[in-house]
């Protein structure tokens, strides 16, 4: 029996005070992240949410979204992470298509939408910021490897977004594979540039928690801001998609040596040979991994940097 939420429970036991997530002016320890996730799981259980029931998460990428994700899994429910930049009609479509009767969000984020959300069926809304630490932290609900853990909505090549179901086995195999071939360690500071609603972005969170490293969240879209964060935060592992790499190469900061950077990874599209060569010239001490994998496989195939 397995449940991917156990990754957080396990790491919090041995590294309670270790910094799990850094975002803006806020740092969250593994102990704090664990408590917040347990509060989510307790709230869902108290609300009558059953195992294998889809629960949507609409929160800014960061500690709250991470706690909600692990809390949903710990309750035995299925996480549907909604990209916070979607328009109201797109959010409504995802929830209705997934059959999610519960939405974890915040009054602040919902208030910033272009209009209030409207659903055909009743949707229970849980305000992430109103939850309190549970009196007793329960262990994650046992799950089998084939039990669904997450529904990921891909952009798809045509028509409406497609919902792809990922099992606990999918997620566990991916995080174990990726952390192994990248050689991730507790001392790593891993950048988070991509939405948790995409498997590439979620992979940074899962791998970070698996090894007990630190995830540094950067939401700024401008390459120069990202480059400054990489230097200031001593990022050692940087994952990006081709347009982001091209943007970073346009900045003076990324053209200079970044001593802490040891791993760069690309997925989500083909990285042209010319860009690969420029990246290797700009950061010769960092190993560049070109990753591949459908949504269900989460980048478990890669090209060795030496090749």
C-alpha atoms as a PDB file:
ATOM      1  CA  UNK A   1       0.000   0.000   0.000  1.00  0.00           C
ATOM      2  CA  UNK A   2       1.291   3.451  -0.862  1.00  0.00           C
ATOM      3  CA  UNK A   3       0.282   7.086  -0.893  1.00  0.00           C
ATOM      4  CA  UNK A   4       2.517   9.773  -2.398  1.00  0.00           C
ATOM      5  CA  UNK A   5       1.551  12.059   0.505  1.00  0.00           C
ATOM      6  CA  UNK A   6       3.732   9.836   2.690  1.00  0.00           C
ATOM      7  CA  UNK A   7       6.733  11.531   1.063  1.00  0.00           C
ATOM      8  CA  UNK A   8       5.938  14.720   2.976  1.00  0.00           C
ATOM      9  CA  UNK A   9       5.040  12.890   6.191  1.00  0.00           C
ATOM     10  CA  UNK A  10       8.347  10.971   6.008  1.00  0.00           C
ATOM     11  CA  UNK A  11      10.537  13.994   5.267  1.00  0.00           C
ATOM     12  CA  UNK A  12       8.865  16.130   7.948  1.00  0.00           C
ATOM     13  CA  UNK A  13       9.723  13.510  10.571  1.00  0.00           C
ATOM     14  CA  UNK A  14      13.448  13.620   9.862  1.00  0.00           C
ATOM     15  CA  UNK A  15      13.864  17.247   8.721  1.00  0.00           C
ATOM     16  CA  UNK A  16      11.162  19.206  10.521  1.00  0.00           C
ATOM     17  CA  UNK A  17      13.115  22.477  10.673  1.00  0.00           C
ATOM     18  CA  UNK A  18      14.651  22.221   7.205  1.00  0.00           C
ATOM     19  CA  UNK A  19      13.349  24.877   4.804  1.00  0.00           C
ATOM     20  CA  UNK A  20      10.951  23.257   2.364  1.00  0.00           C
ATOM     21  CA  UNK A  21       9.747  26.238   0.316  1.00  0.00           C
ATOM     22  CA  UNK A  22      10.946  29.812  -0.176  1.00  0.00           C
ATOM     23  CA  UNK A  23       8.584  32.304  -1.818  1.00  0.00           C
ATOM     24  CA  UNK A  24       8.711  36.099  -1.826  1.00  0.00           C
ATOM     25  CA  UNK A  25       9.484  37.087   1.775  1.00  0.00           C
ATOM     26  CA  UNK A  26       8.264  33.784   3.225  1.00  0.00           C
ATOM     27  CA  UNK A  27      10.087  30.597   4.158  1.00  0.00           C
ATOM     28  CA  UNK A  28       8.173  27.464   5.155  1.00  0.00           C
ATOM     29  CA  UNK A  29       9.762  24.543   6.979  1.00  0.00           C
ATOM     30  CA  UNK A  30       8.918  20.895   6.394  1.00  0.00           C
ATOM     31  CA  UNK A  31       7.220  20.830   9.786  1.00  0.00           C
ATOM     32  CA  UNK A  32       5.007  23.789   8.829  1.00  0.00           C
ATOM     33  CA  UNK A  33       4.239  22.337   5.404  1.00  0.00           C
ATOM     34  CA  UNK A  34       3.291  19.020   7.002  1.00  0.00           C
ATOM     35  CA  UNK A  35       0.959  20.718   9.505  1.00  0.00           C
ATOM     36  CA  UNK A  36      -0.752  22.694   6.725  1.00  0.00           C
ATOM     37  CA  UNK A  37      -1.213  19.552   4.605  1.00  0.00           C
ATOM     38  CA  UNK A  38      -2.638  17.690   7.592  1.00  0.00           C
ATOM     39  CA  UNK A  39      -5.113  20.554   8.122  1.00  0.00           C
ATOM     40  CA  UNK A  40      -6.314  20.169   4.528  1.00  0.00           C
ATOM     41  CA  UNK A  41      -6.714  16.411   4.905  1.00  0.00           C
ATOM     42  CA  UNK A  42      -8.648  16.870   8.158  1.00  0.00           C
ATOM     43  CA  UNK A  43     -10.942  19.492   6.606  1.00  0.00           C
ATOM     44  CA  UNK A  44     -11.733  17.275   3.632  1.00  0.00           C
ATOM     45  CA  UNK A  45     -12.464  14.283   5.853  1.00  0.00           C
ATOM     46  CA  UNK A  46     -14.683  16.391   8.120  1.00  0.00           C
ATOM     47  CA  UNK A  47     -16.560  17.653   5.047  1.00  0.00           C
ATOM     48  CA  UNK A  48     -17.327  14.075   3.992  1.00  0.00           C
ATOM     49  CA  UNK A  49     -14.996  13.933   0.986  1.00  0.00           C
ATOM     50  CA  UNK A  50     -14.447  10.277   0.152  1.00  0.00           C
ATOM     51  CA  UNK A  51     -11.367   8.473  -1.226  1.00  0.00           C
ATOM     52  CA  UNK A  52     -11.128   8.647  -5.035  1.00  0.00           C
ATOM     53  CA  UNK A  53     -13.266  11.810  -5.089  1.00  0.00           C
ATOM     54  CA  UNK A  54     -11.765  14.595  -7.252  1.00  0.00           C
ATOM     55  CA  UNK A  55     -10.856  17.771  -5.332  1.00  0.00           C
ATOM     56  CA  UNK A  56      -9.783  20.869  -7.260  1.00  0.00           C
ATOM     57  CA  UNK A  57      -6.986  23.177  -6.081  1.00  0.00           C
ATOM     58  CA  UNK A  58      -6.935  26.806  -7.266  1.00  0.00           C
ATOM     59  CA  UNK A  59      -4.070  28.568  -5.476  1.00  0.00           C
ATOM     60  CA  UNK A  60      -0.956  30.488  -6.417  1.00  0.00           C
ATOM     61  CA  UNK A  61       2.055  28.257  -6.917  1.00  0.00           C
ATOM     62  CA  UNK A  62       3.833  28.074  -3.601  1.00  0.00           C
ATOM     63  CA  UNK A  63       3.573  26.660  -0.080  1.00  0.00           C
ATOM     64  CA  UNK A  64      -0.235  26.847   0.144  1.00  0.00           C
ATOM     65  CA  UNK A  65      -0.679  25.010  -3.153  1.00  0.00           C
ATOM     66  CA  UNK A  66       1.907  22.417  -2.115  1.00  0.00           C
ATOM     67  CA  UNK A  67       0.186  21.821   1.237  1.00  0.00           C
ATOM     68  CA  UNK A  68      -3.194  21.536  -0.483  1.00  0.00           C
ATOM     69  CA  UNK A  69      -1.829  18.987  -2.967  1.00  0.00           C
ATOM     70  CA  UNK A  70      -0.317  16.723  -0.311  1.00  0.00           C
ATOM     71  CA  UNK A  71      -3.375  17.219   1.919  1.00  0.00           C
ATOM     72  CA  UNK A  72      -5.758  16.111  -0.823  1.00  0.00           C
ATOM     73  CA  UNK A  73      -3.659  13.009  -1.473  1.00  0.00           C
ATOM     74  CA  UNK A  74      -3.385  12.278   2.250  1.00  0.00           C
ATOM     75  CA  UNK A  75      -7.182  12.244   2.507  1.00  0.00           C
ATOM     76  CA  UNK A  76      -7.331   9.631  -0.243  1.00  0.00           C
ATOM     77  CA  UNK A  77      -8.953  12.030  -2.708  1.00  0.00           C
ATOM     78  CA  UNK A  78      -7.715  12.874  -6.227  1.00  0.00           C
ATOM     79  CA  UNK A  79      -5.973  16.226  -6.744  1.00  0.00           C
ATOM     80  CA  UNK A  80      -7.001  18.389  -9.697  1.00  0.00           C
ATOM     81  CA  UNK A  81      -4.507  21.266  -9.732  1.00  0.00           C
ATOM     82  CA  UNK A  82      -5.947  24.207 -11.666  1.00  0.00           C
ATOM     83  CA  UNK A  83      -3.555  26.731 -13.214  1.00  0.00           C
ATOM     84  CA  UNK A  84      -4.231  30.014 -11.416  1.00  0.00           C
ATOM     85  CA  UNK A  85      -3.942  31.999 -14.662  1.00  0.00           C
ATOM     86  CA  UNK A  86      -6.976  30.315 -16.260  1.00  0.00           C
ATOM     87  CA  UNK A  87     -10.084  32.374 -16.993  1.00  0.00           C
ATOM     88  CA  UNK A  88     -13.308  31.693 -15.072  1.00  0.00           C
ATOM     89  CA  UNK A  89     -14.923  29.709 -17.906  1.00  0.00           C
ATOM     90  CA  UNK A  90     -11.815  27.518 -18.165  1.00  0.00           C
ATOM     91  CA  UNK A  91     -11.798  26.885 -14.411  1.00  0.00           C
ATOM     92  CA  UNK A  92     -15.490  25.982 -14.546  1.00  0.00           C
ATOM     93  CA  UNK A  93     -14.850  23.574 -17.412  1.00  0.00           C
ATOM     94  CA  UNK A  94     -12.041  21.773 -15.577  1.00  0.00           C
ATOM     95  CA  UNK A  95     -14.060  21.311 -12.385  1.00  0.00           C
ATOM     96  CA  UNK A  96     -17.169  20.132 -14.218  1.00  0.00           C
ATOM     97  CA  UNK A  97     -15.250  17.797 -16.522  1.00  0.00           C
ATOM     98  CA  UNK A  98     -13.321  16.283 -13.609  1.00  0.00           C
ATOM     99  CA  UNK A  99     -16.442  15.961 -11.482  1.00  0.00           C
ATOM    100  CA  UNK A 100     -14.848  17.903  -8.621  1.00  0.00           C
ATOM    101  CA  UNK A 101     -17.427  18.780  -5.969  1.00  0.00           C
ATOM    102  CA  UNK A 102     -14.877  20.560  -3.761  1.00  0.00           C
ATOM    103  CA  UNK A 103     -12.577  23.485  -4.534  1.00  0.00           C
ATOM    104  CA  UNK A 104      -9.684  24.534  -2.296  1.00  0.00           C
ATOM    105  CA  UNK A 105      -8.845  28.175  -2.937  1.00  0.00           C
ATOM    106  CA  UNK A 106      -8.632  31.525  -1.149  1.00  0.00           C
ATOM    107  CA  UNK A 107     -10.958  34.499  -0.905  1.00  0.00           C
ATOM    108  CA  UNK A 108      -8.170  36.726  -2.205  1.00  0.00           C
ATOM    109  CA  UNK A 109      -7.573  34.706  -5.373  1.00  0.00           C
ATOM    110  CA  UNK A 110     -11.271  34.195  -6.082  1.00  0.00           C
ATOM    111  CA  UNK A 111     -11.805  37.925  -5.621  1.00  0.00           C
ATOM    112  CA  UNK A 112      -9.245  38.688  -8.326  1.00  0.00           C
ATOM    113  CA  UNK A 113     -11.062  36.657 -10.994  1.00  0.00           C
ATOM    114  CA  UNK A 114     -12.767  38.557 -13.804  1.00  0.00           C
ATOM    115  CA  UNK A 115     -16.133  37.323 -12.529  1.00  0.00           C
ATOM    116  CA  UNK A 116     -17.502  34.943  -9.867  1.00  0.00           C
ATOM    117  CA  UNK A 117     -17.356  31.248 -10.697  1.00  0.00           C
ATOM    118  CA  UNK A 118     -20.644  29.628 -11.692  1.00  0.00           C
ATOM    119  CA  UNK A 119     -21.161  25.852 -11.642  1.00  0.00           C
ATOM    120  CA  UNK A 120     -24.017  23.654 -12.845  1.00  0.00           C
ATOM    121  CA  UNK A 121     -23.802  21.561  -9.710  1.00  0.00           C
ATOM    122  CA  UNK A 122     -23.049  22.698  -6.179  1.00  0.00           C
ATOM    123  CA  UNK A 123     -19.335  23.047  -5.404  1.00  0.00           C
ATOM    124  CA  UNK A 124     -18.053  23.214  -1.829  1.00  0.00           C
ATOM    125  CA  UNK A 125     -15.368  25.897  -1.466  1.00  0.00           C
ATOM    126  CA  UNK A 126     -12.732  25.529   1.259  1.00  0.00           C
ATOM    127  CA  UNK A 127     -10.703  28.648   2.041  1.00  0.00           C
ATOM    128  CA  UNK A 128      -7.104  27.543   2.480  1.00  0.00           C
ATOM    129  CA  UNK A 129      -6.366  30.515   4.727  1.00  0.00           C
ATOM    130  CA  UNK A 130      -9.173  29.717   7.172  1.00  0.00           C
ATOM    131  CA  UNK A 131      -7.938  26.243   8.104  1.00  0.00           C
ATOM    132  CA  UNK A 132      -6.508  25.505  11.536  1.00  0.00           C
ATOM    133  CA  UNK A 133      -3.997  22.880  12.559  1.00  0.00           C
ATOM    134  CA  UNK A 134      -5.777  19.632  13.447  1.00  0.00           C
ATOM    135  CA  UNK A 135      -5.783  18.393  17.033  1.00  0.00           C
ATOM    136  CA  UNK A 136      -4.362  15.095  15.798  1.00  0.00           C
ATOM    137  CA  UNK A 137      -2.324  14.526  12.645  1.00  0.00           C
ATOM    138  CA  UNK A 138      -3.460  11.323  10.987  1.00  0.00           C
ATOM    139  CA  UNK A 139      -1.412   9.149   8.648  1.00  0.00           C
ATOM    140  CA  UNK A 140      -2.264   9.347   4.931  1.00  0.00           C
ATOM    141  CA  UNK A 141      -5.076   7.053   3.814  1.00  0.00           C
ATOM    142  CA  UNK A 142      -3.557   3.848   2.339  1.00  0.00           C
ATOM    143  CA  UNK A 143      -3.599   3.764  -1.453  1.00  0.00           C
ATOM    144  CA  UNK A 144      -2.585   1.143  -3.988  1.00  0.00           C
ATOM    145  CA  UNK A 145      -0.121   1.905  -6.763  1.00  0.00           C
ATOM    146  CA  UNK A 146      -2.892   1.843  -9.389  1.00  0.00           C
ATOM    147  CA  UNK A 147      -5.229   4.147  -7.444  1.00  0.00           C
ATOM    148  CA  UNK A 148      -5.579   7.593  -9.073  1.00  0.00           C
ATOM    149  CA  UNK A 149      -3.687  10.402  -7.344  1.00  0.00           C
ATOM    150  CA  UNK A 150      -4.059  13.325  -9.723  1.00  0.00           C
ATOM    151  CA  UNK A 151      -5.913  14.442 -12.836  1.00  0.00           C
ATOM    152  CA  UNK A 152      -3.760  16.714 -14.996  1.00  0.00           C
ATOM    153  CA  UNK A 153      -5.400  18.895 -17.609  1.00  0.00           C
ATOM    154  CA  UNK A 154      -3.162  19.250 -20.637  1.00  0.00           C
ATOM    155  CA  UNK A 155      -3.619  21.948 -23.244  1.00  0.00           C
ATOM    156  CA  UNK A 156      -4.071  19.295 -25.917  1.00  0.00           C
ATOM    157  CA  UNK A 157      -3.407  19.818 -29.610  1.00  0.00           C
ATOM    158  CA  UNK A 158      -7.064  20.407 -30.472  1.00  0.00           C
ATOM    159  CA  UNK A 159     -10.322  21.163 -28.674  1.00  0.00           C
ATOM    160  CA  UNK A 160     -10.799  21.446 -24.927  1.00  0.00           C
ATOM    161  CA  UNK A 161      -8.089  20.481 -22.380  1.00  0.00           C
ATOM    162  CA  UNK A 162      -7.775  16.741 -21.831  1.00  0.00           C
ATOM    163  CA  UNK A 163      -7.808  15.246 -18.348  1.00  0.00           C
ATOM    164  CA  UNK A 164      -5.037  12.693 -17.809  1.00  0.00           C
ATOM    165  CA  UNK A 165      -5.267  10.471 -14.732  1.00  0.00           C
ATOM    166  CA  UNK A 166      -2.002   9.749 -12.925  1.00  0.00           C
ATOM    167  CA  UNK A 167      -1.807   6.988 -10.333  1.00  0.00           C
ATOM    168  CA  UNK A 168       0.181   6.999  -7.104  1.00  0.00           C
ATOM    169  CA  UNK A 169       2.437   4.512  -8.888  1.00  0.00           C
ATOM    170  CA  UNK A 170       2.945   6.951 -11.786  1.00  0.00           C
ATOM    171  CA  UNK A 171       4.020   9.749  -9.470  1.00  0.00           C
ATOM    172  CA  UNK A 172       6.213   7.578  -7.259  1.00  0.00           C
ATOM    173  CA  UNK A 173       8.035   5.950 -10.186  1.00  0.00           C
ATOM    174  CA  UNK A 174       8.667   9.357 -11.727  1.00  0.00           C
ATOM    175  CA  UNK A 175       9.984  11.063  -8.607  1.00  0.00           C
ATOM    176  CA  UNK A 176      12.242   8.126  -7.772  1.00  0.00           C
ATOM    177  CA  UNK A 177      13.582   7.945 -11.332  1.00  0.00           C
ATOM    178  CA  UNK A 178      14.190  11.670 -11.785  1.00  0.00           C
ATOM    179  CA  UNK A 179      15.825  12.224  -8.395  1.00  0.00           C
ATOM    180  CA  UNK A 180      18.117   9.258  -9.063  1.00  0.00           C
ATOM    181  CA  UNK A 181      19.420  10.273 -12.476  1.00  0.00           C
ATOM    182  CA  UNK A 182      19.767  13.955 -11.517  1.00  0.00           C
ATOM    183  CA  UNK A 183      21.508  12.981  -8.284  1.00  0.00           C
ATOM    184  CA  UNK A 184      19.357  15.322  -6.181  1.00  0.00           C
ATOM    185  CA  UNK A 185      20.387  15.856  -2.560  1.00  0.00           C
ATOM    186  CA  UNK A 186      18.961  17.513   0.594  1.00  0.00           C
ATOM    187  CA  UNK A 187      21.410  20.403   0.117  1.00  0.00           C
ATOM    188  CA  UNK A 188      19.952  21.293  -3.305  1.00  0.00           C
ATOM    189  CA  UNK A 189      18.021  24.509  -3.873  1.00  0.00           C
ATOM    190  CA  UNK A 190      15.597  23.737  -6.685  1.00  0.00           C
ATOM    191  CA  UNK A 191      13.942  26.519  -8.674  1.00  0.00           C
ATOM    192  CA  UNK A 192      10.201  26.442  -9.320  1.00  0.00           C
ATOM    193  CA  UNK A 193       9.384  28.424 -12.465  1.00  0.00           C
ATOM    194  CA  UNK A 194       6.532  26.332 -13.877  1.00  0.00           C
ATOM    195  CA  UNK A 195       2.881  25.851 -12.788  1.00  0.00           C
ATOM    196  CA  UNK A 196       2.093  22.945 -10.471  1.00  0.00           C
ATOM    197  CA  UNK A 197      -0.791  22.193 -12.820  1.00  0.00           C
ATOM    198  CA  UNK A 198       1.741  20.932 -15.390  1.00  0.00           C
ATOM    199  CA  UNK A 199       3.587  17.687 -14.672  1.00  0.00           C
ATOM    200  CA  UNK A 200       6.980  19.323 -15.283  1.00  0.00           C
ATOM    201  CA  UNK A 201       6.224  21.959 -12.646  1.00  0.00           C
ATOM    202  CA  UNK A 202       4.768  19.422 -10.196  1.00  0.00           C
ATOM    203  CA  UNK A 203       7.849  17.243 -10.654  1.00  0.00           C
ATOM    204  CA  UNK A 204      10.061  19.905  -9.047  1.00  0.00           C
ATOM    205  CA  UNK A 205       7.820  19.878  -5.955  1.00  0.00           C
ATOM    206  CA  UNK A 206       7.673  16.079  -5.703  1.00  0.00           C
ATOM    207  CA  UNK A 207      11.413  15.614  -6.164  1.00  0.00           C
ATOM    208  CA  UNK A 208      12.192  18.358  -3.652  1.00  0.00           C
ATOM    209  CA  UNK A 209      10.050  16.756  -0.962  1.00  0.00           C
ATOM    210  CA  UNK A 210      11.339  13.269  -1.775  1.00  0.00           C
ATOM    211  CA  UNK A 211      14.940  14.204  -0.966  1.00  0.00           C
ATOM    212  CA  UNK A 212      14.236  16.916   1.610  1.00  0.00           C
ATOM    213  CA  UNK A 213      15.704  19.752  -0.482  1.00  0.00           C
ATOM    214  CA  UNK A 214      14.476  23.372  -0.725  1.00  0.00           C
ATOM    215  CA  UNK A 215      12.114  24.627  -3.440  1.00  0.00           C
ATOM    216  CA  UNK A 216      12.554  28.291  -4.396  1.00  0.00           C
ATOM    217  CA  UNK A 217       9.418  29.691  -6.039  1.00  0.00           C
ATOM    218  CA  UNK A 218       9.881  32.440  -8.621  1.00  0.00           C
ATOM    219  CA  UNK A 219       6.701  33.840 -10.187  1.00  0.00           C
ATOM    220  CA  UNK A 220       8.217  36.766 -12.100  1.00  0.00           C
ATOM    221  CA  UNK A 221       7.847  36.265 -15.871  1.00  0.00           C
ATOM    222  CA  UNK A 222      10.792  38.460 -16.901  1.00  0.00           C
ATOM    223  CA  UNK A 223      14.048  36.608 -17.672  1.00  0.00           C
ATOM    224  CA  UNK A 224      16.199  39.184 -15.874  1.00  0.00           C
ATOM    225  CA  UNK A 225      14.192  38.692 -12.662  1.00  0.00           C
ATOM    226  CA  UNK A 226      14.529  34.913 -12.930  1.00  0.00           C
ATOM    227  CA  UNK A 227      18.275  35.197 -13.569  1.00  0.00           C
ATOM    228  CA  UNK A 228      18.727  37.463 -10.531  1.00  0.00           C
ATOM    229  CA  UNK A 229      16.811  34.980  -8.351  1.00  0.00           C
ATOM    230  CA  UNK A 230      18.955  32.083  -9.598  1.00  0.00           C
ATOM    231  CA  UNK A 231      22.063  33.961  -8.477  1.00  0.00           C
ATOM    232  CA  UNK A 232      20.727  35.478  -5.239  1.00  0.00           C
ATOM    233  CA  UNK A 233      19.097  32.252  -4.040  1.00  0.00           C
ATOM    234  CA  UNK A 234      22.095  30.076  -4.991  1.00  0.00           C
ATOM    235  CA  UNK A 235      19.928  27.813  -7.154  1.00  0.00           C
ATOM    236  CA  UNK A 236      21.613  24.480  -7.834  1.00  0.00           C
ATOM    237  CA  UNK A 237      18.891  22.825  -9.975  1.00  0.00           C
ATOM    238  CA  UNK A 238      17.101  24.794 -12.688  1.00  0.00           C
ATOM    239  CA  UNK A 239      14.279  23.358 -14.817  1.00  0.00           C
ATOM    240  CA  UNK A 240      12.781  25.323 -17.692  1.00  0.00           C
ATOM    241  CA  UNK A 241      11.096  25.036 -21.086  1.00  0.00           C
ATOM    242  CA  UNK A 242      12.771  26.226 -24.336  1.00  0.00           C
ATOM    243  CA  UNK A 243      11.340  29.796 -24.382  1.00  0.00           C
ATOM    244  CA  UNK A 244      12.548  30.318 -20.806  1.00  0.00           C
ATOM    245  CA  UNK A 245      16.064  29.110 -21.627  1.00  0.00           C
ATOM    246  CA  UNK A 246      16.211  31.436 -24.628  1.00  0.00           C
ATOM    247  CA  UNK A 247      15.039  34.310 -22.415  1.00  0.00           C
ATOM    248  CA  UNK A 248      17.642  33.547 -19.741  1.00  0.00           C
ATOM    249  CA  UNK A 249      20.411  33.519 -22.357  1.00  0.00           C
ATOM    250  CA  UNK A 250      19.441  37.083 -23.293  1.00  0.00           C
ATOM    251  CA  UNK A 251      20.374  38.353 -19.802  1.00  0.00           C
ATOM    252  CA  UNK A 252      23.820  39.459 -18.682  1.00  0.00           C
ATOM    253  CA  UNK A 253      23.402  37.679 -15.337  1.00  0.00           C
ATOM    254  CA  UNK A 254      23.010  34.265 -16.934  1.00  0.00           C
ATOM    255  CA  UNK A 255      25.992  34.827 -19.194  1.00  0.00           C
ATOM    256  CA  UNK A 256      28.232  35.038 -16.119  1.00  0.00           C
ATOM    257  CA  UNK A 257      29.267  31.948 -14.109  1.00  0.00           C
ATOM    258  CA  UNK A 258      26.737  30.790 -11.508  1.00  0.00           C
ATOM    259  CA  UNK A 259      28.910  28.725  -9.135  1.00  0.00           C
ATOM    260  CA  UNK A 260      25.985  27.081  -7.306  1.00  0.00           C
ATOM    261  CA  UNK A 261      24.231  25.882 -10.489  1.00  0.00           C
ATOM    262  CA  UNK A 262      25.060  22.220 -11.138  1.00  0.00           C
ATOM    263  CA  UNK A 263      21.996  20.851 -12.995  1.00  0.00           C
ATOM    264  CA  UNK A 264      19.890  22.307 -15.829  1.00  0.00           C
ATOM    265  CA  UNK A 265      16.936  20.379 -17.263  1.00  0.00           C
ATOM    266  CA  UNK A 266      14.768  20.940 -20.326  1.00  0.00           C
ATOM    267  CA  UNK A 267      11.379  19.451 -21.172  1.00  0.00           C
ATOM    268  CA  UNK A 268       8.113  20.573 -22.713  1.00  0.00           C
ATOM    269  CA  UNK A 269       9.576  21.011 -26.189  1.00  0.00           C
ATOM    270  CA  UNK A 270      12.606  20.571 -28.422  1.00  0.00           C
ATOM    271  CA  UNK A 271      15.673  22.580 -27.437  1.00  0.00           C
ATOM    272  CA  UNK A 272      17.534  23.595 -30.621  1.00  0.00           C
ATOM    273  CA  UNK A 273      21.149  22.507 -30.909  1.00  0.00           C
ATOM    274  CA  UNK A 274      22.299  26.136 -31.056  1.00  0.00           C
ATOM    275  CA  UNK A 275      20.603  26.849 -27.726  1.00  0.00           C
ATOM    276  CA  UNK A 276      22.116  23.731 -26.157  1.00  0.00           C
ATOM    277  CA  UNK A 277      25.579  24.923 -27.180  1.00  0.00           C
ATOM    278  CA  UNK A 278      24.951  28.439 -25.850  1.00  0.00           C
ATOM    279  CA  UNK A 279      23.758  27.064 -22.509  1.00  0.00           C
ATOM    280  CA  UNK A 280      26.816  24.860 -22.157  1.00  0.00           C
ATOM    281  CA  UNK A 281      29.100  27.790 -22.962  1.00  0.00           C
ATOM    282  CA  UNK A 282      27.291  30.092 -20.517  1.00  0.00           C
ATOM    283  CA  UNK A 283      27.306  27.572 -17.631  1.00  0.00           C
ATOM    284  CA  UNK A 284      30.006  24.989 -18.406  1.00  0.00           C
ATOM    285  CA  UNK A 285      30.027  23.591 -14.842  1.00  0.00           C
ATOM    286  CA  UNK A 286      26.310  22.699 -14.935  1.00  0.00           C
ATOM    287  CA  UNK A 287      25.166  19.424 -16.492  1.00  0.00           C
ATOM    288  CA  UNK A 288      22.336  19.883 -19.006  1.00  0.00           C
ATOM    289  CA  UNK A 289      19.712  17.114 -19.151  1.00  0.00           C
ATOM    290  CA  UNK A 290      17.309  16.950 -22.091  1.00  0.00           C
ATOM    291  CA  UNK A 291      14.215  15.174 -20.769  1.00  0.00           C
ATOM    292  CA  UNK A 292      11.341  13.447 -22.513  1.00  0.00           C
ATOM    293  CA  UNK A 293       8.071  11.879 -21.464  1.00  0.00           C
ATOM    294  CA  UNK A 294       4.327  12.005 -21.981  1.00  0.00           C
ATOM    295  CA  UNK A 295       2.208  13.383 -19.162  1.00  0.00           C
ATOM    296  CA  UNK A 296       1.856   9.866 -17.706  1.00  0.00           C
ATOM    297  CA  UNK A 297       5.634   9.316 -17.709  1.00  0.00           C
ATOM    298  CA  UNK A 298       6.834  12.626 -16.223  1.00  0.00           C
ATOM    299  CA  UNK A 299      10.239  12.894 -17.919  1.00  0.00           C
ATOM    300  CA  UNK A 300      11.505   9.447 -16.999  1.00  0.00           C
ATOM    301  CA  UNK A 301      13.472   9.321 -20.276  1.00  0.00           C
ATOM    302  CA  UNK A 302      16.492  11.576 -20.749  1.00  0.00           C
ATOM    303  CA  UNK A 303      19.591  12.162 -22.787  1.00  0.00           C
ATOM    304  CA  UNK A 304      22.794  11.874 -20.809  1.00  0.00           C
ATOM    305  CA  UNK A 305      24.536  15.291 -20.671  1.00  0.00           C
ATOM    306  CA  UNK A 306      27.707  13.762 -22.099  1.00  0.00           C
ATOM    307  CA  UNK A 307      25.767  12.956 -25.271  1.00  0.00           C
END
